[in-house]
C-alpha atoms as a PDB file:
ATOM      1  CA  MET A   1     111.327 114.757  89.582  1.00  0.00           C
ATOM      2  CA  GLU A   2     111.576 114.438  93.348  1.00  0.00           C
ATOM      3  CA  GLU A   3     109.587 111.649  94.979  1.00  0.00           C
ATOM      4  CA  ILE A   4     108.683 111.621  98.678  1.00  0.00           C
ATOM      5  CA  LEU A   5     106.688 109.666 101.251  1.00  0.00           C
ATOM      6  CA  ILE A   6     103.887 111.540 103.011  1.00  0.00           C
ATOM      7  CA  ASP A   7     103.041 110.858 106.647  1.00  0.00           C
ATOM      8  CA  THR A   8      99.374 110.674 107.632  1.00  0.00           C
ATOM      9  CA  ASP A   9      99.490 113.981 109.541  1.00  0.00           C
ATOM     10  CA  ILE A  10     100.281 115.923 106.365  1.00  0.00           C
ATOM     11  CA  ILE A  11      97.121 114.668 104.660  1.00  0.00           C
ATOM     12  CA  ILE A  12      95.010 115.343 107.745  1.00  0.00           C
ATOM     13  CA  ASP A  13      96.343 118.917 107.956  1.00  0.00           C
ATOM     14  CA  PHE A  14      95.632 119.461 104.266  1.00  0.00           C
ATOM     15  CA  LEU A  15      92.080 118.124 104.451  1.00  0.00           C
ATOM     16  CA  ARG A  16      91.357 120.279 107.494  1.00  0.00           C
ATOM     17  CA  GLY A  17      92.983 123.336 105.904  1.00  0.00           C
ATOM     18  CA  TYR A  18      95.289 123.900 108.882  1.00  0.00           C
ATOM     19  CA  ASP A  19      98.622 124.585 107.250  1.00  0.00           C
ATOM     20  CA  VAL A  20      99.404 126.752 104.231  1.00  0.00           C
ATOM     21  CA  ARG A  21     102.539 124.668 103.522  1.00  0.00           C
ATOM     22  CA  THR A  22     100.451 121.594 102.751  1.00  0.00           C
ATOM     23  CA  LYS A  23      98.296 123.504 100.257  1.00  0.00           C
ATOM     24  CA  SER A  24     101.287 124.581  98.172  1.00  0.00           C
ATOM     25  CA  PHE A  25     102.795 121.101  98.509  1.00  0.00           C
ATOM     26  CA  PHE A  26      99.692 119.335  97.149  1.00  0.00           C
ATOM     27  CA  LEU A  27      99.411 121.911  94.382  1.00  0.00           C
ATOM     28  CA  LYS A  28     102.901 120.844  93.231  1.00  0.00           C
ATOM     29  CA  ILE A  29     101.755 117.220  93.245  1.00  0.00           C
ATOM     30  CA  ARG A  30      98.603 118.015  91.285  1.00  0.00           C
ATOM     31  CA  ASN A  31     100.680 119.968  88.751  1.00  0.00           C
ATOM     32  CA  ARG A  32     103.082 116.995  88.485  1.00  0.00           C
ATOM     33  CA  GLU A  33     106.044 119.025  89.737  1.00  0.00           C
ATOM     34  CA  MET A  34     106.602 116.413  92.425  1.00  0.00           C
ATOM     35  CA  LYS A  35     105.625 112.785  92.981  1.00  0.00           C
ATOM     36  CA  ALA A  36     104.297 111.665  96.345  1.00  0.00           C
ATOM     37  CA  CYS A  37     103.644 108.267  97.864  1.00  0.00           C
ATOM     38  CA  ILE A  38     101.795 107.103 100.940  1.00  0.00           C
ATOM     39  CA  SER A  39     102.022 103.900 102.954  1.00  0.00           C
ATOM     40  CA  ILE A  40      98.980 101.635 102.929  1.00  0.00           C
ATOM     41  CA  ILE A  41      98.981 101.919 106.755  1.00  0.00           C
ATOM     42  CA  SER A  42      98.220 105.638 106.363  1.00  0.00           C
ATOM     43  CA  ILE A  43      95.062 104.684 104.456  1.00  0.00           C
ATOM     44  CA  VAL A  44      93.969 102.713 107.527  1.00  0.00           C
ATOM     45  CA  GLU A  45      94.662 105.729 109.754  1.00  0.00           C
ATOM     46  CA  LEU A  46      92.815 108.111 107.428  1.00  0.00           C
ATOM     47  CA  TYR A  47      89.720 105.940 107.080  1.00  0.00           C
ATOM     48  CA  THR A  48      89.624 105.524 110.861  1.00  0.00           C
ATOM     49  CA  GLY A  49      88.821 109.241 110.999  1.00  0.00           C
ATOM     50  CA  ILE A  50      86.095 109.190 108.311  1.00  0.00           C
ATOM     51  CA  GLU A  51      82.721 109.045 110.014  1.00  0.00           C
ATOM     52  CA  GLU A  52      80.430 107.706 107.310  1.00  0.00           C
ATOM     53  CA  LYS A  53      80.716 106.566 103.738  1.00  0.00           C
ATOM     54  CA  GLY A  54      79.881 109.096 101.040  1.00  0.00           C
ATOM     55  CA  ASN A  55      80.337 112.206 103.146  1.00  0.00           C
ATOM     56  CA  LYS A  56      82.341 115.221 101.977  1.00  0.00           C
ATOM     57  CA  GLN A  57      85.426 114.119 103.951  1.00  0.00           C
ATOM     58  CA  GLU A  58      85.528 110.776 102.168  1.00  0.00           C
ATOM     59  CA  ILE A  59      85.024 112.369  98.748  1.00  0.00           C
ATOM     60  CA  ASN A  60      87.872 114.839  99.397  1.00  0.00           C
ATOM     61  CA  LEU A  61      90.093 112.035 100.681  1.00  0.00           C
ATOM     62  CA  LYS A  62      89.445 109.864  97.607  1.00  0.00           C
ATOM     63  CA  GLN A  63      90.279 112.776  95.295  1.00  0.00           C
ATOM     64  CA  LEU A  64      93.495 113.433  97.179  1.00  0.00           C
ATOM     65  CA  LEU A  65      94.516 109.765  97.246  1.00  0.00           C
ATOM     66  CA  SER A  66      94.062 109.573  93.472  1.00  0.00           C
ATOM     67  CA  LEU A  67      97.116 111.861  93.182  1.00  0.00           C
ATOM     68  CA  LEU A  68      99.336 109.593  95.293  1.00  0.00           C
ATOM     69  CA  GLU A  69     101.036 106.250  94.797  1.00  0.00           C
ATOM     70  CA  ILE A  70      99.977 103.868  97.571  1.00  0.00           C
ATOM     71  CA  LEU A  71     102.877 101.687  98.723  1.00  0.00           C
ATOM     72  CA  PRO A  72     102.064  98.178  99.988  1.00  0.00           C
ATOM     73  CA  ILE A  73     103.493  96.319 102.962  1.00  0.00           C
ATOM     74  CA  ASP A  74     105.408  93.153 102.132  1.00  0.00           C
ATOM     75  CA  PHE A  75     107.317  90.619 104.228  1.00  0.00           C
ATOM     76  CA  SER A  76     110.705  92.384 104.186  1.00  0.00           C
ATOM     77  CA  LEU A  77     109.126  95.743 105.019  1.00  0.00           C
ATOM     78  CA  SER A  78     107.231  94.065 107.882  1.00  0.00           C
ATOM     79  CA  LYS A  79     110.483  92.657 109.281  1.00  0.00           C
ATOM     80  CA  LEU A  80     112.153  96.067 109.080  1.00  0.00           C
ATOM     81  CA  ALA A  81     109.144  97.724 110.747  1.00  0.00           C
ATOM     82  CA  GLY A  82     109.326  95.153 113.558  1.00  0.00           C
ATOM     83  CA  THR A  83     113.009  95.906 114.084  1.00  0.00           C
ATOM     84  CA  ILE A  84     112.336  99.662 114.122  1.00  0.00           C
ATOM     85  CA  LYS A  85     109.457  99.218 116.594  1.00  0.00           C
ATOM     86  CA  ARG A  86     111.549  97.077 118.930  1.00  0.00           C
ATOM     87  CA  LYS A  87     114.648  99.285 118.728  1.00  0.00           C
ATOM     88  CA  TYR A  88     113.027 102.743 118.891  1.00  0.00           C
ATOM     89  CA  ARG A  89     109.708 101.962 120.615  1.00  0.00           C
ATOM     90  CA  LEU A  90     107.544 103.656 117.998  1.00  0.00           C
ATOM     91  CA  SER A  91     103.893 102.870 117.376  1.00  0.00           C
ATOM     92  CA  ILE A  92     103.170 100.151 114.824  1.00  0.00           C
ATOM     93  CA  THR A  93     101.983 102.744 112.292  1.00  0.00           C
ATOM     94  CA  ASP A  94     105.036 104.994 112.702  1.00  0.00           C
ATOM     95  CA  SER A  95     107.322 101.941 112.500  1.00  0.00           C
ATOM     96  CA  ILE A  96     105.706 100.908 109.210  1.00  0.00           C
ATOM     97  CA  ILE A  97     105.934 104.443 107.819  1.00  0.00           C
ATOM     98  CA  ALA A  98     109.632 104.693 108.787  1.00  0.00           C
ATOM     99  CA  ALA A  99     110.323 101.256 107.279  1.00  0.00           C
ATOM    100  CA  THR A 100     108.514 102.307 104.095  1.00  0.00           C
ATOM    101  CA  SER A 101     110.689 105.416 103.883  1.00  0.00           C
ATOM    102  CA  PHE A 102     113.853 103.316 104.233  1.00  0.00           C
ATOM    103  CA  SER A 103     112.846 100.480 101.919  1.00  0.00           C
ATOM    104  CA  SER A 104     111.642 102.791  99.150  1.00  0.00           C
ATOM    105  CA  LYS A 105     114.520 105.263  99.672  1.00  0.00           C
ATOM    106  CA  LEU A 106     112.095 108.182  99.950  1.00  0.00           C
ATOM    107  CA  LYS A 107     112.363 111.267 102.128  1.00  0.00           C
ATOM    108  CA  LEU A 108     109.601 111.442 104.725  1.00  0.00           C
ATOM    109  CA  PHE A 109     107.363 114.519 104.858  1.00  0.00           C
ATOM    110  CA  SER A 110     105.954 114.755 108.383  1.00  0.00           C
ATOM    111  CA  PHE A 111     105.081 117.454 110.875  1.00  0.00           C
ATOM    112  CA  ASN A 112     105.595 114.809 113.590  1.00  0.00           C
ATOM    113  CA  ARG A 113     109.365 114.637 113.227  1.00  0.00           C
ATOM    114  CA  LYS A 114     109.776 114.023 116.951  1.00  0.00           C
ATOM    115  CA  HIS A 115     108.188 110.596 116.419  1.00  0.00           C
ATOM    116  CA  PHE A 116     110.974 109.651 114.005  1.00  0.00           C
ATOM    117  CA  GLN A 117     114.034 111.733 114.874  1.00  0.00           C
ATOM    118  CA  GLN A 118     115.779 109.043 116.943  1.00  0.00           C
ATOM    119  CA  ILE A 119     116.094 106.818 113.848  1.00  0.00           C
ATOM    120  CA  PRO A 120     119.551 107.384 112.330  1.00  0.00           C
ATOM    121  CA  GLY A 121     119.707 107.825 108.582  1.00  0.00           C
ATOM    122  CA  LEU A 122     116.020 108.583 108.080  1.00  0.00           C
ATOM    123  CA  LEU A 123     115.744 111.446 105.590  1.00  0.00           C
ATOM    124  CA  PHE A 124     113.110 114.140 106.031  1.00  0.00           C
ATOM    125  CA  PHE A 125     111.446 116.484 103.587  1.00  0.00           C
ATOM    126  CA  GLU A 126     109.905 119.607 105.014  1.00  0.00           C
ATOM    127  CA  THR A 127     108.373 122.483 103.082  1.00  0.00           C
ATOM    128  CA  GLY A 128     110.583 122.019 100.078  1.00  0.00           C
ATOM    129  CA  LYS A 129     113.859 121.545 101.970  1.00  0.00           C
ATOM    130  CA  PRO A 130     115.202 118.033 102.484  1.00  0.00           C
ATOM    131  CA  GLU A 131     116.868 117.562 105.847  1.00  0.00           C
ATOM    132  CA  LYS A 132     118.676 114.696 107.508  1.00  0.00           C
ATOM    133  CA  VAL A 133     118.253 114.088 111.239  1.00  0.00           C
END
């Protein structure tokens, strides 16, 4: 079974209903056709956008997160993220997500590929087709 890392933007698009590709993607996860992970830093980003506890957005987010494996940040991942940030001038969150993709050897599913494309060797997953940039 393929396992991938989901960027925050994919979850936001799904929760807002913007992109048909995310609906079919999360259906595969729910049906256990695919395994998906998310960085703990994405949880911070997602909860930044939730206005108040107990609202429909939070309930939907919790249900969605229950389908995903949440990957922690440890010391070695933090060092790698720092190197990526310094070398490629990404945001802290994007640096951590890229480092998580590398350290866990997972393809990254993101609609914000331009944020990551300058990083050699980072593997991408997009709408069912893995690509290398």
